[in-house]
Amino acid sequence: MAITSKPKPKLAEPAVADNAAADAFISGAPDASKAHTTRREVKKLISLKIAPTLLERVDQLAAELGQSRAAVINLAIHRAVERGLEIDGLGKA
């Protein structure tokens, strides 16, 4: 029995219909279109001092919500600004 080399596979040319189907599939992906991109607002970094017990509560809430500490603080500030804030009966700002 003679030893022969492994035959090289023949590369099939993709059919035109396959290319069209692939293009249609790719263009249908949610991230396929770059035309609707919106630019996020650049956030500013601030320094904040907070009581350790309050920080523990913020961290606990963040863990329960599955969010980061920064996200919870950011959301609380946003809600206070949008809905108003009452400080010891002084009324809403």
PDB file of N, CA and C in Angstrom:
ATOM      1  N   MET A   1       0.849  -1.157   0.000  1.00  0.00           N
ATOM      2  CA  MET A   1       0.000   0.000   0.000  1.00  0.00           C
ATOM      3  C   MET A   1       0.902   1.228   0.000  1.00  0.00           C
ATOM      4  N   ALA A   2       0.590   2.156  -0.883  1.00  0.00           N
ATOM      5  CA  ALA A   2       1.410   3.354  -1.021  1.00  0.00           C
ATOM      6  C   ALA A   2       0.904   4.446  -0.086  1.00  0.00           C
ATOM      7  N   ILE A   3       1.842   5.235   0.389  1.00  0.00           N
ATOM      8  CA  ILE A   3       1.477   6.365   1.252  1.00  0.00           C
ATOM      9  C   ILE A   3       1.245   7.567   0.348  1.00  0.00           C
ATOM     10  N   THR A   4       0.066   8.163   0.514  1.00  0.00           N
ATOM     11  CA  THR A   4      -0.279   9.342  -0.296  1.00  0.00           C
ATOM     12  C   THR A   4      -0.574  10.522   0.627  1.00  0.00           C
ATOM     13  N   SER A   5      -0.421  11.706   0.071  1.00  0.00           N
ATOM     14  CA  SER A   5      -0.714  12.896   0.867  1.00  0.00           C
ATOM     15  C   SER A   5      -2.216  13.141   0.893  1.00  0.00           C
ATOM     16  N   LYS A   6      -2.631  13.846   1.919  1.00  0.00           N
ATOM     17  CA  LYS A   6      -4.046  14.161   2.085  1.00  0.00           C
ATOM     18  C   LYS A   6      -4.466  15.127   0.982  1.00  0.00           C
ATOM     19  N   PRO A   7      -5.568  14.863   0.297  1.00  0.00           N
ATOM     20  CA  PRO A   7      -5.998  15.756  -0.781  1.00  0.00           C
ATOM     21  C   PRO A   7      -6.457  17.101  -0.213  1.00  0.00           C
ATOM     22  N   LYS A   8      -6.145  18.163  -0.941  1.00  0.00           N
ATOM     23  CA  LYS A   8      -6.565  19.501  -0.534  1.00  0.00           C
ATOM     24  C   LYS A   8      -8.042  19.686  -0.857  1.00  0.00           C
ATOM     25  N   PRO A   9      -8.790  20.249   0.087  1.00  0.00           N
ATOM     26  CA  PRO A   9     -10.218  20.444  -0.182  1.00  0.00           C
ATOM     27  C   PRO A   9     -10.416  21.544  -1.219  1.00  0.00           C
ATOM     28  N   LYS A  10     -11.413  21.367  -2.037  1.00  0.00           N
ATOM     29  CA  LYS A  10     -11.745  22.367  -3.047  1.00  0.00           C
ATOM     30  C   LYS A  10     -12.604  23.435  -2.394  1.00  0.00           C
ATOM     31  N   LEU A  11     -12.235  24.676  -2.590  1.00  0.00           N
ATOM     32  CA  LEU A  11     -13.010  25.778  -2.052  1.00  0.00           C
ATOM     33  C   LEU A  11     -14.154  26.099  -2.999  1.00  0.00           C
ATOM     34  N   ALA A  12     -15.346  26.042  -2.454  1.00  0.00           N
ATOM     35  CA  ALA A  12     -16.526  26.335  -3.269  1.00  0.00           C
ATOM     36  C   ALA A  12     -16.756  27.833  -3.275  1.00  0.00           C
ATOM     37  N   GLU A  13     -17.095  28.351  -4.411  1.00  0.00           N
ATOM     38  CA  GLU A  13     -17.420  29.767  -4.528  1.00  0.00           C
ATOM     39  C   GLU A  13     -18.817  29.976  -3.950  1.00  0.00           C
ATOM     40  N   PRO A  14     -18.982  30.969  -3.055  1.00  0.00           N
ATOM     41  CA  PRO A  14     -20.319  31.218  -2.509  1.00  0.00           C
ATOM     42  C   PRO A  14     -21.250  31.726  -3.598  1.00  0.00           C
ATOM     43  N   ALA A  15     -22.459  31.281  -3.527  1.00  0.00           N
ATOM     44  CA  ALA A  15     -23.449  31.696  -4.507  1.00  0.00           C
ATOM     45  C   ALA A  15     -23.835  33.144  -4.252  1.00  0.00           C
ATOM     46  N   VAL A  16     -24.270  33.834  -5.282  1.00  0.00           N
ATOM     47  CA  VAL A  16     -24.667  35.234  -5.167  1.00  0.00           C
ATOM     48  C   VAL A  16     -25.827  35.362  -4.189  1.00  0.00           C
ATOM     49  N   ALA A  17     -26.737  34.428  -4.187  1.00  0.00           N
ATOM     50  CA  ALA A  17     -27.879  34.469  -3.274  1.00  0.00           C
ATOM     51  C   ALA A  17     -27.404  34.370  -1.831  1.00  0.00           C
ATOM     52  N   ASP A  18     -26.344  33.573  -1.601  1.00  0.00           N
ATOM     53  CA  ASP A  18     -25.808  33.452  -0.248  1.00  0.00           C
ATOM     54  C   ASP A  18     -25.229  34.781   0.216  1.00  0.00           C
ATOM     55  N   ASN A  19     -24.538  35.495  -0.661  1.00  0.00           N
ATOM     56  CA  ASN A  19     -23.989  36.800  -0.303  1.00  0.00           C
ATOM     57  C   ASN A  19     -25.106  37.788   0.018  1.00  0.00           C
ATOM     58  N   ALA A  20     -26.157  37.776  -0.772  1.00  0.00           N
ATOM     59  CA  ALA A  20     -27.272  38.679  -0.544  1.00  0.00           C
ATOM     60  C   ALA A  20     -27.962  38.351   0.772  1.00  0.00           C
ATOM     61  N   ALA A  21     -28.095  37.069   1.055  1.00  0.00           N
ATOM     62  CA  ALA A  21     -28.726  36.664   2.311  1.00  0.00           C
ATOM     63  C   ALA A  21     -27.850  37.055   3.497  1.00  0.00           C
ATOM     64  N   ALA A  22     -26.549  36.914   3.353  1.00  0.00           N
ATOM     65  CA  ALA A  22     -25.631  37.290   4.431  1.00  0.00           C
ATOM     66  C   ALA A  22     -25.671  38.794   4.656  1.00  0.00           C
ATOM     67  N   ASP A  23     -25.686  39.578   3.587  1.00  0.00           N
ATOM     68  CA  ASP A  23     -25.758  41.034   3.712  1.00  0.00           C
ATOM     69  C   ASP A  23     -27.066  41.469   4.381  1.00  0.00           C
ATOM     70  N   ALA A  24     -28.165  40.818   4.013  1.00  0.00           N
ATOM     71  CA  ALA A  24     -29.454  41.146   4.610  1.00  0.00           C
ATOM     72  C   ALA A  24     -29.458  40.805   6.095  1.00  0.00           C
ATOM     73  N   PHE A  25     -28.855  39.683   6.440  1.00  0.00           N
ATOM     74  CA  PHE A  25     -28.776  39.268   7.842  1.00  0.00           C
ATOM     75  C   PHE A  25     -27.940  40.255   8.660  1.00  0.00           C
ATOM     76  N   ILE A  26     -26.795  40.628   8.127  1.00  0.00           N
ATOM     77  CA  ILE A  26     -25.897  41.549   8.841  1.00  0.00           C
ATOM     78  C   ILE A  26     -26.527  42.926   8.985  1.00  0.00           C
ATOM     79  N   SER A  27     -27.165  43.409   7.930  1.00  0.00           N
ATOM     80  CA  SER A  27     -27.761  44.751   8.000  1.00  0.00           C
ATOM     81  C   SER A  27     -28.988  44.780   8.908  1.00  0.00           C
ATOM     82  N   GLY A  28     -29.543  43.630   9.228  1.00  0.00           N
ATOM     83  CA  GLY A  28     -30.698  43.564  10.111  1.00  0.00           C
ATOM     84  C   GLY A  28     -30.337  43.550  11.584  1.00  0.00           C
ATOM     85  N   ALA A  29     -29.046  43.475  11.896  1.00  0.00           N
ATOM     86  CA  ALA A  29     -28.614  43.456  13.296  1.00  0.00           C
ATOM     87  C   ALA A  29     -28.886  44.803  13.952  1.00  0.00           C
ATOM     88  N   PRO A  30     -29.195  44.801  15.257  1.00  0.00           N
ATOM     89  CA  PRO A  30     -29.516  46.053  15.938  1.00  0.00           C
ATOM     90  C   PRO A  30     -28.384  47.080  15.890  1.00  0.00           C
ATOM     91  N   ASP A  31     -27.154  46.627  15.869  1.00  0.00           N
ATOM     92  CA  ASP A  31     -26.027  47.556  15.867  1.00  0.00           C
ATOM     93  C   ASP A  31     -25.444  47.778  14.479  1.00  0.00           C
ATOM     94  N   ALA A  32     -26.176  47.370  13.453  1.00  0.00           N
ATOM     95  CA  ALA A  32     -25.656  47.475  12.091  1.00  0.00           C
ATOM     96  C   ALA A  32     -25.613  48.910  11.600  1.00  0.00           C
ATOM     97  N   SER A  33     -26.567  49.705  11.992  1.00  0.00           N
ATOM     98  CA  SER A  33     -26.639  51.073  11.503  1.00  0.00           C
ATOM     99  C   SER A  33     -25.951  52.020  12.468  1.00  0.00           C
ATOM    100  N   LYS A  34     -25.033  52.794  11.973  1.00  0.00           N
ATOM    101  CA  LYS A  34     -24.325  53.776  12.786  1.00  0.00           C
ATOM    102  C   LYS A  34     -24.946  55.161  12.632  1.00  0.00           C
ATOM    103  N   ALA A  35     -26.003  55.270  11.840  1.00  0.00           N
ATOM    104  CA  ALA A  35     -26.605  56.560  11.564  1.00  0.00           C
ATOM    105  C   ALA A  35     -27.363  57.116  12.768  1.00  0.00           C
ATOM    106  N   HIS A  36     -27.835  56.247  13.670  1.00  0.00           N
ATOM    107  CA  HIS A  36     -28.665  56.683  14.784  1.00  0.00           C
ATOM    108  C   HIS A  36     -27.885  56.837  16.085  1.00  0.00           C
ATOM    109  N   THR A  37     -26.584  56.919  15.995  1.00  0.00           N
ATOM    110  CA  THR A  37     -25.808  57.037  17.219  1.00  0.00           C
ATOM    111  C   THR A  37     -25.990  58.417  17.829  1.00  0.00           C
ATOM    112  N   THR A  38     -26.141  58.440  19.131  1.00  0.00           N
ATOM    113  CA  THR A  38     -26.240  59.697  19.852  1.00  0.00           C
ATOM    114  C   THR A  38     -25.029  59.812  20.765  1.00  0.00           C
ATOM    115  N   ARG A  39     -24.558  60.986  20.894  1.00  0.00           N
ATOM    116  CA  ARG A  39     -23.371  61.217  21.708  1.00  0.00           C
ATOM    117  C   ARG A  39     -23.782  61.413  23.161  1.00  0.00           C
ATOM    118  N   ARG A  40     -23.148  60.668  24.050  1.00  0.00           N
ATOM    119  CA  ARG A  40     -23.432  60.808  25.468  1.00  0.00           C
ATOM    120  C   ARG A  40     -22.820  62.091  26.003  1.00  0.00           C
ATOM    121  N   GLU A  41     -23.493  62.643  26.974  1.00  0.00           N
ATOM    122  CA  GLU A  41     -22.992  63.842  27.623  1.00  0.00           C
ATOM    123  C   GLU A  41     -21.755  63.491  28.443  1.00  0.00           C
ATOM    124  N   VAL A  42     -20.738  64.315  28.339  1.00  0.00           N
ATOM    125  CA  VAL A  42     -19.516  64.089  29.099  1.00  0.00           C
ATOM    126  C   VAL A  42     -19.803  64.454  30.548  1.00  0.00           C
ATOM    127  N   LYS A  43     -19.541  63.528  31.460  1.00  0.00           N
ATOM    128  CA  LYS A  43     -19.811  63.769  32.868  1.00  0.00           C
ATOM    129  C   LYS A  43     -18.596  64.365  33.549  1.00  0.00           C
ATOM    130  N   LYS A  44     -18.860  65.133  34.583  1.00  0.00           N
ATOM    131  CA  LYS A  44     -17.810  65.763  35.373  1.00  0.00           C
ATOM    132  C   LYS A  44     -17.537  64.918  36.606  1.00  0.00           C
ATOM    133  N   LEU A  45     -16.297  64.831  36.993  1.00  0.00           N
ATOM    134  CA  LEU A  45     -15.900  64.110  38.186  1.00  0.00           C
ATOM    135  C   LEU A  45     -15.948  65.065  39.370  1.00  0.00           C
ATOM    136  N   ILE A  46     -16.629  64.639  40.449  1.00  0.00           N
ATOM    137  CA  ILE A  46     -16.703  65.462  41.653  1.00  0.00           C
ATOM    138  C   ILE A  46     -16.185  64.659  42.838  1.00  0.00           C
ATOM    139  N   SER A  47     -15.847  65.367  43.892  1.00  0.00           N
ATOM    140  CA  SER A  47     -15.431  64.723  45.132  1.00  0.00           C
ATOM    141  C   SER A  47     -16.546  64.951  46.146  1.00  0.00           C
ATOM    142  N   LEU A  48     -16.912  63.916  46.882  1.00  0.00           N
ATOM    143  CA  LEU A  48     -18.040  64.001  47.786  1.00  0.00           C
ATOM    144  C   LEU A  48     -17.689  63.325  49.103  1.00  0.00           C
ATOM    145  N   LYS A  49     -17.900  64.022  50.193  1.00  0.00           N
ATOM    146  CA  LYS A  49     -17.734  63.412  51.511  1.00  0.00           C
ATOM    147  C   LYS A  49     -19.097  62.941  51.969  1.00  0.00           C
ATOM    148  N   ILE A  50     -19.149  61.710  52.505  1.00  0.00           N
ATOM    149  CA  ILE A  50     -20.413  61.117  52.916  1.00  0.00           C
ATOM    150  C   ILE A  50     -20.179  60.302  54.186  1.00  0.00           C
ATOM    151  N   ALA A  51     -21.153  60.316  55.079  1.00  0.00           N
ATOM    152  CA  ALA A  51     -21.032  59.576  56.338  1.00  0.00           C
ATOM    153  C   ALA A  51     -20.917  58.071  56.047  1.00  0.00           C
ATOM    154  N   PRO A  52     -20.062  57.372  56.770  1.00  0.00           N
ATOM    155  CA  PRO A  52     -19.869  55.937  56.522  1.00  0.00           C
ATOM    156  C   PRO A  52     -21.155  55.118  56.618  1.00  0.00           C
ATOM    157  N   THR A  53     -22.031  55.456  57.559  1.00  0.00           N
ATOM    158  CA  THR A  53     -23.274  54.696  57.685  1.00  0.00           C
ATOM    159  C   THR A  53     -24.190  54.923  56.489  1.00  0.00           C
ATOM    160  N   LEU A  54     -24.228  56.153  55.988  1.00  0.00           N
ATOM    161  CA  LEU A  54     -25.032  56.437  54.803  1.00  0.00           C
ATOM    162  C   LEU A  54     -24.442  55.742  53.582  1.00  0.00           C
ATOM    163  N   LEU A  55     -23.124  55.723  53.489  1.00  0.00           N
ATOM    164  CA  LEU A  55     -22.465  55.050  52.370  1.00  0.00           C
ATOM    165  C   LEU A  55     -22.766  53.552  52.376  1.00  0.00           C
ATOM    166  N   GLU A  56     -22.812  52.963  53.562  1.00  0.00           N
ATOM    167  CA  GLU A  56     -23.161  51.538  53.663  1.00  0.00           C
ATOM    168  C   GLU A  56     -24.571  51.289  53.135  1.00  0.00           C
ATOM    169  N   ARG A  57     -25.492  52.193  53.463  1.00  0.00           N
ATOM    170  CA  ARG A  57     -26.870  52.052  52.979  1.00  0.00           C
ATOM    171  C   ARG A  57     -26.945  52.229  51.473  1.00  0.00           C
ATOM    172  N   VAL A  58     -26.167  53.166  50.949  1.00  0.00           N
ATOM    173  CA  VAL A  58     -26.127  53.371  49.496  1.00  0.00           C
ATOM    174  C   VAL A  58     -25.575  52.121  48.819  1.00  0.00           C
ATOM    175  N   ASP A  59     -24.516  51.561  49.367  1.00  0.00           N
ATOM    176  CA  ASP A  59     -23.921  50.347  48.792  1.00  0.00           C
ATOM    177  C   ASP A  59     -24.889  49.172  48.849  1.00  0.00           C
ATOM    178  N   GLN A  60     -25.635  49.069  49.951  1.00  0.00           N
ATOM    179  CA  GLN A  60     -26.612  47.990  50.080  1.00  0.00           C
ATOM    180  C   GLN A  60     -27.718  48.144  49.034  1.00  0.00           C
ATOM    181  N   LEU A  61     -28.208  49.366  48.864  1.00  0.00           N
ATOM    182  CA  LEU A  61     -29.234  49.627  47.855  1.00  0.00           C
ATOM    183  C   LEU A  61     -28.708  49.336  46.456  1.00  0.00           C
ATOM    184  N   ALA A  62     -27.465  49.739  46.199  1.00  0.00           N
ATOM    185  CA  ALA A  62     -26.864  49.488  44.885  1.00  0.00           C
ATOM    186  C   ALA A  62     -26.783  47.987  44.610  1.00  0.00           C
ATOM    187  N   ALA A  63     -26.404  47.216  45.619  1.00  0.00           N
ATOM    188  CA  ALA A  63     -26.313  45.759  45.450  1.00  0.00           C
ATOM    189  C   ALA A  63     -27.692  45.157  45.179  1.00  0.00           C
ATOM    190  N   GLU A  64     -28.699  45.632  45.894  1.00  0.00           N
ATOM    191  CA  GLU A  64     -30.064  45.125  45.692  1.00  0.00           C
ATOM    192  C   GLU A  64     -30.573  45.438  44.290  1.00  0.00           C
ATOM    193  N   LEU A  65     -30.210  46.607  43.788  1.00  0.00           N
ATOM    194  CA  LEU A  65     -30.668  47.026  42.455  1.00  0.00           C
ATOM    195  C   LEU A  65     -29.786  46.506  41.328  1.00  0.00           C
ATOM    196  N   GLY A  66     -28.614  45.968  41.696  1.00  0.00           N
ATOM    197  CA  GLY A  66     -27.684  45.504  40.668  1.00  0.00           C
ATOM    198  C   GLY A  66     -27.030  46.660  39.935  1.00  0.00           C
ATOM    199  N   GLN A  67     -26.842  47.766  40.628  1.00  0.00           N
ATOM    200  CA  GLN A  67     -26.251  48.959  40.034  1.00  0.00           C
ATOM    201  C   GLN A  67     -24.973  49.316  40.781  1.00  0.00           C
ATOM    202  N   SER A  68     -24.220  50.223  40.218  1.00  0.00           N
ATOM    203  CA  SER A  68     -23.011  50.689  40.886  1.00  0.00           C
ATOM    204  C   SER A  68     -23.381  51.760  41.910  1.00  0.00           C
ATOM    205  N   ARG A  69     -22.460  52.019  42.818  1.00  0.00           N
ATOM    206  CA  ARG A  69     -22.645  53.085  43.802  1.00  0.00           C
ATOM    207  C   ARG A  69     -22.875  54.416  43.083  1.00  0.00           C
ATOM    208  N   ALA A  70     -22.062  54.703  42.086  1.00  0.00           N
ATOM    209  CA  ALA A  70     -22.171  55.962  41.352  1.00  0.00           C
ATOM    210  C   ALA A  70     -23.530  56.094  40.666  1.00  0.00           C
ATOM    211  N   ALA A  71     -24.039  54.995  40.124  1.00  0.00           N
ATOM    212  CA  ALA A  71     -25.336  55.042  39.448  1.00  0.00           C
ATOM    213  C   ALA A  71     -26.455  55.367  40.426  1.00  0.00           C
ATOM    214  N   VAL A  72     -26.407  54.784  41.622  1.00  0.00           N
ATOM    215  CA  VAL A  72     -27.446  55.043  42.623  1.00  0.00           C
ATOM    216  C   VAL A  72     -27.382  56.494  43.099  1.00  0.00           C
ATOM    217  N   ILE A  73     -26.190  56.993  43.357  1.00  0.00           N
ATOM    218  CA  ILE A  73     -26.046  58.386  43.790  1.00  0.00           C
ATOM    219  C   ILE A  73     -26.508  59.333  42.683  1.00  0.00           C
ATOM    220  N   ASN A  74     -26.124  59.035  41.450  1.00  0.00           N
ATOM    221  CA  ASN A  74     -26.517  59.857  40.303  1.00  0.00           C
ATOM    222  C   ASN A  74     -28.039  59.881  40.146  1.00  0.00           C
ATOM    223  N   LEU A  75     -28.683  58.721  40.298  1.00  0.00           N
ATOM    224  CA  LEU A  75     -30.138  58.640  40.176  1.00  0.00           C
ATOM    225  C   LEU A  75     -30.823  59.418  41.293  1.00  0.00           C
ATOM    226  N   ALA A  76     -30.309  59.319  42.518  1.00  0.00           N
ATOM    227  CA  ALA A  76     -30.909  60.041  43.648  1.00  0.00           C
ATOM    228  C   ALA A  76     -30.823  61.552  43.436  1.00  0.00           C
ATOM    229  N   ILE A  77     -29.690  62.018  42.962  1.00  0.00           N
ATOM    230  CA  ILE A  77     -29.535  63.454  42.701  1.00  0.00           C
ATOM    231  C   ILE A  77     -30.470  63.892  41.578  1.00  0.00           C
ATOM    232  N   HIS A  78     -30.544  63.092  40.536  1.00  0.00           N
ATOM    233  CA  HIS A  78     -31.420  63.418  39.404  1.00  0.00           C
ATOM    234  C   HIS A  78     -32.875  63.521  39.860  1.00  0.00           C
ATOM    235  N   ARG A  79     -33.320  62.553  40.662  1.00  0.00           N
ATOM    236  CA  ARG A  79     -34.707  62.581  41.147  1.00  0.00           C
ATOM    237  C   ARG A  79     -34.956  63.785  42.038  1.00  0.00           C
ATOM    238  N   ALA A  80     -34.012  64.131  42.889  1.00  0.00           N
ATOM    239  CA  ALA A  80     -34.178  65.286  43.772  1.00  0.00           C
ATOM    240  C   ALA A  80     -34.291  66.569  42.959  1.00  0.00           C
ATOM    241  N   VAL A  81     -33.509  66.687  41.924  1.00  0.00           N
ATOM    242  CA  VAL A  81     -33.544  67.891  41.086  1.00  0.00           C
ATOM    243  C   VAL A  81     -34.832  67.947  40.275  1.00  0.00           C
ATOM    244  N   GLU A  82     -35.257  66.829  39.723  1.00  0.00           N
ATOM    245  CA  GLU A  82     -36.450  66.807  38.871  1.00  0.00           C
ATOM    246  C   GLU A  82     -37.741  66.926  39.675  1.00  0.00           C
ATOM    247  N   ARG A  83     -37.815  66.256  40.817  1.00  0.00           N
ATOM    248  CA  ARG A  83     -39.064  66.208  41.588  1.00  0.00           C
ATOM    249  C   ARG A  83     -39.094  67.211  42.738  1.00  0.00           C
ATOM    250  N   GLY A  84     -37.986  67.817  43.012  1.00  0.00           N
ATOM    251  CA  GLY A  84     -37.924  68.746  44.136  1.00  0.00           C
ATOM    252  C   GLY A  84     -37.421  68.024  45.375  1.00  0.00           C
ATOM    253  N   LEU A  85     -37.059  68.813  46.367  1.00  0.00           N
ATOM    254  CA  LEU A  85     -36.470  68.262  47.561  1.00  0.00           C
ATOM    255  C   LEU A  85     -36.994  69.043  48.753  1.00  0.00           C
ATOM    256  N   GLU A  86     -37.540  68.335  49.729  1.00  0.00           N
ATOM    257  CA  GLU A  86     -38.043  68.987  50.939  1.00  0.00           C
ATOM    258  C   GLU A  86     -37.005  68.828  52.040  1.00  0.00           C
ATOM    259  N   ILE A  87     -36.626  69.940  52.660  1.00  0.00           N
ATOM    260  CA  ILE A  87     -35.631  69.906  53.716  1.00  0.00           C
ATOM    261  C   ILE A  87     -36.256  70.423  54.997  1.00  0.00           C
ATOM    262  N   ASP A  88     -36.542  69.526  55.933  1.00  0.00           N
ATOM    263  CA  ASP A  88     -37.081  69.861  57.251  1.00  0.00           C
ATOM    264  C   ASP A  88     -38.206  70.890  57.206  1.00  0.00           C
ATOM    265  N   GLY A  89     -39.195  70.632  56.380  1.00  0.00           N
ATOM    266  CA  GLY A  89     -40.377  71.473  56.323  1.00  0.00           C
ATOM    267  C   GLY A  89     -40.188  72.797  55.609  1.00  0.00           C
ATOM    268  N   LEU A  90     -39.060  73.031  55.010  1.00  0.00           N
ATOM    269  CA  LEU A  90     -38.824  74.284  54.305  1.00  0.00           C
ATOM    270  C   LEU A  90     -39.502  74.319  52.940  1.00  0.00           C
ATOM    271  N   GLY A  91     -40.037  73.202  52.529  1.00  0.00           N
ATOM    272  CA  GLY A  91     -40.703  73.163  51.238  1.00  0.00           C
ATOM    273  C   GLY A  91     -39.796  72.575  50.176  1.00  0.00           C
ATOM    274  N   LYS A  92     -40.358  72.487  49.014  1.00  0.00           N
ATOM    275  CA  LYS A  92     -39.612  71.910  47.897  1.00  0.00           C
ATOM    276  C   LYS A  92     -38.819  72.979  47.179  1.00  0.00           C
ATOM    277  N   ALA A  93     -37.643  72.597  46.800  1.00  0.00           N
ATOM    278  CA  ALA A  93     -36.782  73.520  46.077  1.00  0.00           C
ATOM    279  C   ALA A  93     -37.035  73.414  44.589  1.00  0.00           C
TER     280      ALA A  93
END
